[in-house]
Amino acid sequence: MIYIGEAHPSDLWQVPNNLKDHVILRSPANEEERIAVAELCVTTLSIEVPALVDHFDDATERAYTGWPERLYLVDREGSVAYKSLPGPFGFKLNDLEDALRVLVARDHSPALASR
């Protein structure tokens, strides 16, 4: 998981659900604040997968069009093997699972073993 800029900070575009859930966060002013917000997100949501934080210049978000949120599968060579539609409504976990199965099968094919 890569945490990108906060989608609904209190100083820009607060949404009613965030107010109801007491998720009221200002836009981070620097990379250290962004890391703190990401850590809060991971802890609060009990996220168990490794999490990275996009640099403050948003290079990853711009390169992958990660906003508002997307699911990606990147192969060993760094190529995008799967990209979801924008989430959360565009998330099709079955499609991601299918793409992962194809990628694993490809990586374990006899042709690769001879490389």
N, C-alpha and C. Protein backbone atom coordinates (compact mmCIF):
# COMPACT_ATOMS: atom_id res chain seq x y z
N MET A 1 0.85 -1.16 0.00
CA MET A 1 0.00 0.00 0.00
C MET A 1 0.89 1.23 0.00
N ILE A 2 0.49 2.22 -0.77
CA ILE A 2 1.21 3.50 -0.76
C ILE A 2 0.23 4.59 -0.37
N TYR A 3 0.53 5.26 0.71
CA TYR A 3 -0.30 6.36 1.18
C TYR A 3 0.07 7.60 0.39
N ILE A 4 -0.94 8.20 -0.28
CA ILE A 4 -0.73 9.44 -1.03
C ILE A 4 -1.34 10.58 -0.23
N GLY A 5 -1.41 11.76 -0.79
CA GLY A 5 -1.97 12.91 -0.08
C GLY A 5 -3.37 12.66 0.44
N GLU A 6 -3.69 13.24 1.57
CA GLU A 6 -5.00 13.08 2.19
C GLU A 6 -6.08 13.59 1.24
N ALA A 7 -7.09 12.75 0.98
CA ALA A 7 -8.13 13.10 0.02
C ALA A 7 -9.11 14.14 0.55
N HIS A 8 -9.38 14.12 1.85
CA HIS A 8 -10.40 15.00 2.41
C HIS A 8 -9.91 15.73 3.65
N PRO A 9 -8.87 16.56 3.50
CA PRO A 9 -8.37 17.27 4.68
C PRO A 9 -9.36 18.35 5.13
N SER A 10 -9.34 18.65 6.40
CA SER A 10 -10.29 19.61 6.98
C SER A 10 -10.11 21.01 6.41
N ASP A 11 -8.93 21.35 5.94
CA ASP A 11 -8.69 22.70 5.43
C ASP A 11 -8.97 22.83 3.93
N LEU A 12 -9.39 21.75 3.28
CA LEU A 12 -9.69 21.83 1.85
C LEU A 12 -11.08 21.29 1.52
N TRP A 13 -11.29 20.01 1.71
CA TRP A 13 -12.55 19.40 1.28
C TRP A 13 -12.98 18.35 2.29
N GLN A 14 -13.55 18.79 3.37
CA GLN A 14 -14.02 17.88 4.41
C GLN A 14 -15.36 17.29 3.98
N VAL A 15 -15.51 16.01 4.18
CA VAL A 15 -16.76 15.34 3.81
C VAL A 15 -17.53 14.98 5.08
N PRO A 16 -18.87 14.92 4.98
CA PRO A 16 -19.68 14.64 6.17
C PRO A 16 -19.30 13.36 6.90
N ASN A 17 -18.97 12.29 6.17
CA ASN A 17 -18.60 11.04 6.84
C ASN A 17 -17.38 11.21 7.73
N ASN A 18 -16.41 12.02 7.29
CA ASN A 18 -15.23 12.25 8.13
C ASN A 18 -15.61 12.95 9.43
N LEU A 19 -16.52 13.90 9.33
CA LEU A 19 -16.98 14.59 10.55
C LEU A 19 -17.69 13.61 11.47
N LYS A 20 -18.57 12.79 10.90
CA LYS A 20 -19.31 11.80 11.70
C LYS A 20 -18.37 10.81 12.37
N ASP A 21 -17.31 10.40 11.64
CA ASP A 21 -16.36 9.42 12.16
C ASP A 21 -15.19 10.04 12.93
N HIS A 22 -15.22 11.36 13.09
CA HIS A 22 -14.16 12.10 13.80
C HIS A 22 -12.80 11.91 13.13
N VAL A 23 -12.79 11.90 11.80
CA VAL A 23 -11.56 11.85 11.03
C VAL A 23 -11.33 13.25 10.48
N ILE A 24 -10.72 14.08 11.30
CA ILE A 24 -10.55 15.48 10.95
C ILE A 24 -9.06 15.78 10.94
N LEU A 25 -8.50 15.79 9.75
CA LEU A 25 -7.06 15.96 9.57
C LEU A 25 -6.79 17.12 8.62
N ARG A 26 -5.89 17.99 8.99
CA ARG A 26 -5.47 19.08 8.09
C ARG A 26 -4.50 18.53 7.06
N SER A 27 -4.32 19.25 5.98
CA SER A 27 -3.32 18.87 4.99
C SER A 27 -1.94 18.92 5.65
N PRO A 28 -1.16 17.86 5.52
CA PRO A 28 0.19 17.91 6.09
C PRO A 28 1.01 19.04 5.46
N ALA A 29 1.82 19.69 6.27
CA ALA A 29 2.64 20.81 5.80
C ALA A 29 4.01 20.35 5.30
N ASN A 30 4.37 19.09 5.59
CA ASN A 30 5.67 18.59 5.18
C ASN A 30 5.63 17.06 5.18
N GLU A 31 6.74 16.46 4.76
CA GLU A 31 6.80 15.01 4.65
C GLU A 31 6.64 14.31 6.00
N GLU A 32 7.20 14.89 7.06
CA GLU A 32 7.09 14.28 8.38
C GLU A 32 5.63 14.23 8.84
N GLU A 33 4.88 15.29 8.58
CA GLU A 33 3.46 15.30 8.94
C GLU A 33 2.69 14.28 8.10
N ARG A 34 3.03 14.14 6.82
CA ARG A 34 2.36 13.16 5.98
C ARG A 34 2.62 11.75 6.52
N ILE A 35 3.82 11.48 6.94
CA ILE A 35 4.16 10.17 7.51
C ILE A 35 3.33 9.93 8.77
N ALA A 36 3.19 10.94 9.60
CA ALA A 36 2.39 10.80 10.84
C ALA A 36 0.94 10.50 10.52
N VAL A 37 0.38 11.15 9.51
CA VAL A 37 -1.01 10.89 9.12
C VAL A 37 -1.13 9.48 8.56
N ALA A 38 -0.16 9.06 7.76
CA ALA A 38 -0.19 7.70 7.21
C ALA A 38 -0.12 6.66 8.33
N GLU A 39 0.74 6.89 9.31
CA GLU A 39 0.84 5.96 10.44
C GLU A 39 -0.47 5.89 11.21
N LEU A 40 -1.13 7.03 11.39
CA LEU A 40 -2.43 7.06 12.05
C LEU A 40 -3.45 6.26 11.25
N CYS A 41 -3.43 6.41 9.94
CA CYS A 41 -4.34 5.67 9.06
C CYS A 41 -4.12 4.17 9.19
N VAL A 42 -2.87 3.74 9.10
CA VAL A 42 -2.54 2.31 9.18
C VAL A 42 -2.96 1.75 10.53
N THR A 43 -2.69 2.47 11.60
CA THR A 43 -3.04 2.01 12.94
C THR A 43 -4.55 1.97 13.14
N THR A 44 -5.23 3.04 12.79
CA THR A 44 -6.67 3.15 13.01
C THR A 44 -7.44 2.10 12.21
N LEU A 45 -7.01 1.86 10.98
CA LEU A 45 -7.71 0.92 10.12
C LEU A 45 -7.19 -0.52 10.25
N SER A 46 -6.21 -0.72 11.13
CA SER A 46 -5.61 -2.04 11.34
C SER A 46 -5.13 -2.66 10.03
N ILE A 47 -4.46 -1.87 9.24
CA ILE A 47 -3.93 -2.33 7.95
C ILE A 47 -2.73 -3.23 8.22
N GLU A 48 -2.77 -4.43 7.66
CA GLU A 48 -1.75 -5.43 7.95
C GLU A 48 -0.74 -5.63 6.83
N VAL A 49 -0.93 -4.96 5.70
CA VAL A 49 0.04 -5.07 4.61
C VAL A 49 1.09 -3.97 4.78
N PRO A 50 2.28 -4.18 4.24
CA PRO A 50 3.29 -3.12 4.34
C PRO A 50 2.78 -1.82 3.70
N ALA A 51 3.06 -0.72 4.35
CA ALA A 51 2.62 0.58 3.86
C ALA A 51 3.81 1.50 3.65
N LEU A 52 3.82 2.16 2.52
CA LEU A 52 4.82 3.16 2.19
C LEU A 52 4.12 4.51 2.06
N VAL A 53 4.87 5.59 2.11
CA VAL A 53 4.30 6.93 1.99
C VAL A 53 4.90 7.62 0.78
N ASP A 54 4.01 8.14 -0.08
CA ASP A 54 4.46 8.90 -1.24
C ASP A 54 5.24 10.13 -0.75
N HIS A 55 6.27 10.49 -1.50
CA HIS A 55 7.03 11.70 -1.16
C HIS A 55 6.11 12.91 -1.18
N PHE A 56 6.52 13.96 -0.53
CA PHE A 56 5.69 15.15 -0.41
C PHE A 56 5.45 15.81 -1.77
N ASP A 57 6.29 15.51 -2.77
CA ASP A 57 6.08 16.06 -4.11
C ASP A 57 5.04 15.27 -4.91
N ASP A 58 4.47 14.22 -4.32
CA ASP A 58 3.41 13.41 -4.93
C ASP A 58 3.84 12.70 -6.21
N ALA A 59 5.10 12.34 -6.31
CA ALA A 59 5.62 11.70 -7.54
C ALA A 59 4.90 10.39 -7.85
N THR A 60 4.65 9.57 -6.84
CA THR A 60 3.99 8.29 -7.08
C THR A 60 2.55 8.50 -7.51
N GLU A 61 1.85 9.38 -6.84
CA GLU A 61 0.45 9.65 -7.21
C GLU A 61 0.37 10.15 -8.65
N ARG A 62 1.24 11.04 -9.04
CA ARG A 62 1.22 11.56 -10.42
C ARG A 62 1.58 10.47 -11.43
N ALA A 63 2.54 9.63 -11.10
CA ALA A 63 2.97 8.59 -12.04
C ALA A 63 1.91 7.51 -12.23
N TYR A 64 1.16 7.20 -11.18
CA TYR A 64 0.19 6.11 -11.24
C TYR A 64 -1.27 6.56 -11.24
N THR A 65 -1.52 7.85 -11.11
CA THR A 65 -2.89 8.34 -11.01
C THR A 65 -3.61 7.61 -9.88
N GLY A 66 -3.06 7.72 -8.69
CA GLY A 66 -3.58 6.99 -7.55
C GLY A 66 -4.78 7.62 -6.86
N TRP A 67 -5.09 8.88 -7.19
CA TRP A 67 -6.21 9.54 -6.51
C TRP A 67 -7.47 9.33 -7.31
N PRO A 68 -8.63 9.01 -6.72
CA PRO A 68 -8.83 9.03 -5.28
C PRO A 68 -8.24 7.79 -4.61
N GLU A 69 -8.31 6.66 -5.24
CA GLU A 69 -7.67 5.45 -4.75
C GLU A 69 -7.79 4.40 -5.84
N ARG A 70 -6.79 3.59 -5.95
CA ARG A 70 -6.78 2.55 -6.97
C ARG A 70 -6.04 1.34 -6.43
N LEU A 71 -6.30 0.22 -7.06
CA LEU A 71 -5.56 -1.00 -6.79
C LEU A 71 -4.64 -1.25 -7.97
N TYR A 72 -3.39 -1.53 -7.68
CA TYR A 72 -2.41 -1.83 -8.72
C TYR A 72 -1.72 -3.15 -8.38
N LEU A 73 -1.32 -3.84 -9.43
CA LEU A 73 -0.45 -5.00 -9.29
C LEU A 73 0.74 -4.73 -10.18
N VAL A 74 1.92 -4.71 -9.59
CA VAL A 74 3.15 -4.41 -10.32
C VAL A 74 4.00 -5.67 -10.34
N ASP A 75 4.47 -6.05 -11.52
CA ASP A 75 5.25 -7.29 -11.62
C ASP A 75 6.70 -7.06 -11.21
N ARG A 76 7.49 -8.13 -11.25
CA ARG A 76 8.89 -8.05 -10.79
C ARG A 76 9.73 -7.09 -11.60
N GLU A 77 9.34 -6.86 -12.84
CA GLU A 77 10.09 -5.95 -13.71
C GLU A 77 9.66 -4.50 -13.53
N GLY A 78 8.65 -4.28 -12.70
CA GLY A 78 8.17 -2.92 -12.46
C GLY A 78 7.07 -2.47 -13.40
N SER A 79 6.54 -3.39 -14.20
CA SER A 79 5.45 -3.05 -15.12
C SER A 79 4.11 -3.25 -14.42
N VAL A 80 3.15 -2.42 -14.76
CA VAL A 80 1.81 -2.54 -14.19
C VAL A 80 1.12 -3.73 -14.84
N ALA A 81 0.78 -4.73 -14.03
CA ALA A 81 0.10 -5.92 -14.51
C ALA A 81 -1.41 -5.80 -14.34
N TYR A 82 -1.85 -4.91 -13.46
CA TYR A 82 -3.28 -4.70 -13.24
C TYR A 82 -3.48 -3.31 -12.66
N LYS A 83 -4.50 -2.61 -13.13
CA LYS A 83 -4.87 -1.29 -12.61
C LYS A 83 -6.39 -1.26 -12.51
N SER A 84 -6.91 -1.01 -11.31
CA SER A 84 -8.36 -0.95 -11.14
C SER A 84 -8.90 0.38 -11.63
N LEU A 85 -10.20 0.44 -11.74
CA LEU A 85 -10.87 1.72 -11.93
C LEU A 85 -10.80 2.47 -10.61
N PRO A 86 -11.09 3.77 -10.59
CA PRO A 86 -11.04 4.50 -9.32
C PRO A 86 -11.94 3.87 -8.27
N GLY A 87 -11.45 3.84 -7.05
CA GLY A 87 -12.20 3.24 -5.96
C GLY A 87 -12.99 4.27 -5.20
N PRO A 88 -13.75 3.79 -4.27
CA PRO A 88 -13.86 2.39 -3.92
C PRO A 88 -14.79 1.60 -4.84
N PHE A 89 -15.60 2.30 -5.63
CA PHE A 89 -16.59 1.61 -6.45
C PHE A 89 -15.98 0.87 -7.63
N GLY A 90 -14.80 1.27 -8.05
CA GLY A 90 -14.13 0.61 -9.17
C GLY A 90 -13.29 -0.59 -8.77
N PHE A 91 -13.23 -0.86 -7.46
CA PHE A 91 -12.44 -1.99 -7.00
C PHE A 91 -13.16 -3.29 -7.31
N LYS A 92 -12.51 -4.13 -8.04
CA LYS A 92 -13.02 -5.46 -8.34
C LYS A 92 -11.97 -6.44 -7.84
N LEU A 93 -12.09 -6.83 -6.58
CA LEU A 93 -11.07 -7.69 -5.98
C LEU A 93 -10.90 -9.00 -6.72
N ASN A 94 -11.98 -9.51 -7.30
CA ASN A 94 -11.86 -10.74 -8.10
C ASN A 94 -10.97 -10.53 -9.31
N ASP A 95 -11.07 -9.36 -9.94
CA ASP A 95 -10.20 -9.06 -11.09
C ASP A 95 -8.74 -8.97 -10.65
N LEU A 96 -8.50 -8.35 -9.51
CA LEU A 96 -7.13 -8.28 -8.98
C LEU A 96 -6.61 -9.67 -8.66
N GLU A 97 -7.44 -10.49 -8.05
CA GLU A 97 -7.04 -11.86 -7.73
C GLU A 97 -6.72 -12.65 -9.00
N ASP A 98 -7.55 -12.49 -10.03
CA ASP A 98 -7.30 -13.18 -11.31
C ASP A 98 -5.97 -12.73 -11.91
N ALA A 99 -5.71 -11.43 -11.88
CA ALA A 99 -4.45 -10.91 -12.42
C ALA A 99 -3.26 -11.43 -11.63
N LEU A 100 -3.41 -11.54 -10.32
CA LEU A 100 -2.34 -12.07 -9.49
C LEU A 100 -2.08 -13.54 -9.81
N ARG A 101 -3.14 -14.30 -10.02
CA ARG A 101 -2.97 -15.71 -10.38
C ARG A 101 -2.22 -15.86 -11.71
N VAL A 102 -2.57 -15.03 -12.69
CA VAL A 102 -1.90 -15.07 -13.98
C VAL A 102 -0.42 -14.72 -13.81
N LEU A 103 -0.15 -13.69 -13.02
CA LEU A 103 1.23 -13.26 -12.81
C LEU A 103 2.04 -14.34 -12.10
N VAL A 104 1.48 -14.96 -11.08
CA VAL A 104 2.18 -16.02 -10.36
C VAL A 104 2.43 -17.21 -11.28
N ALA A 105 1.43 -17.58 -12.07
CA ALA A 105 1.59 -18.70 -13.00
C ALA A 105 2.68 -18.38 -14.03
N ARG A 106 2.70 -17.14 -14.49
CA ARG A 106 3.73 -16.73 -15.45
C ARG A 106 5.12 -16.79 -14.83
N ASP A 107 5.23 -16.32 -13.60
CA ASP A 107 6.53 -16.32 -12.92
C ASP A 107 7.03 -17.72 -12.58
N HIS A 108 6.12 -18.68 -12.53
CA HIS A 108 6.51 -20.05 -12.22
C HIS A 108 6.47 -20.96 -13.44
N SER A 109 6.39 -20.37 -14.61
CA SER A 109 6.34 -21.19 -15.82
C SER A 109 7.72 -21.78 -16.11
N PRO A 110 7.78 -22.94 -16.78
CA PRO A 110 9.06 -23.57 -17.12
C PRO A 110 9.97 -22.67 -17.97
N ALA A 111 9.37 -21.80 -18.78
CA ALA A 111 10.17 -20.91 -19.63
C ALA A 111 11.01 -19.97 -18.77
N LEU A 112 10.46 -19.51 -17.65
CA LEU A 112 11.21 -18.62 -16.76
C LEU A 112 12.32 -19.36 -16.03
N ALA A 113 12.08 -20.62 -15.73
CA ALA A 113 13.07 -21.40 -14.99
C ALA A 113 14.36 -21.55 -15.80
N SER A 114 14.27 -21.46 -17.11
CA SER A 114 15.46 -21.63 -17.95
C SER A 114 16.24 -20.33 -18.12
N ARG A 115 15.72 -19.23 -17.60
CA ARG A 115 16.44 -17.93 -17.74
C ARG A 115 17.68 -17.89 -16.90
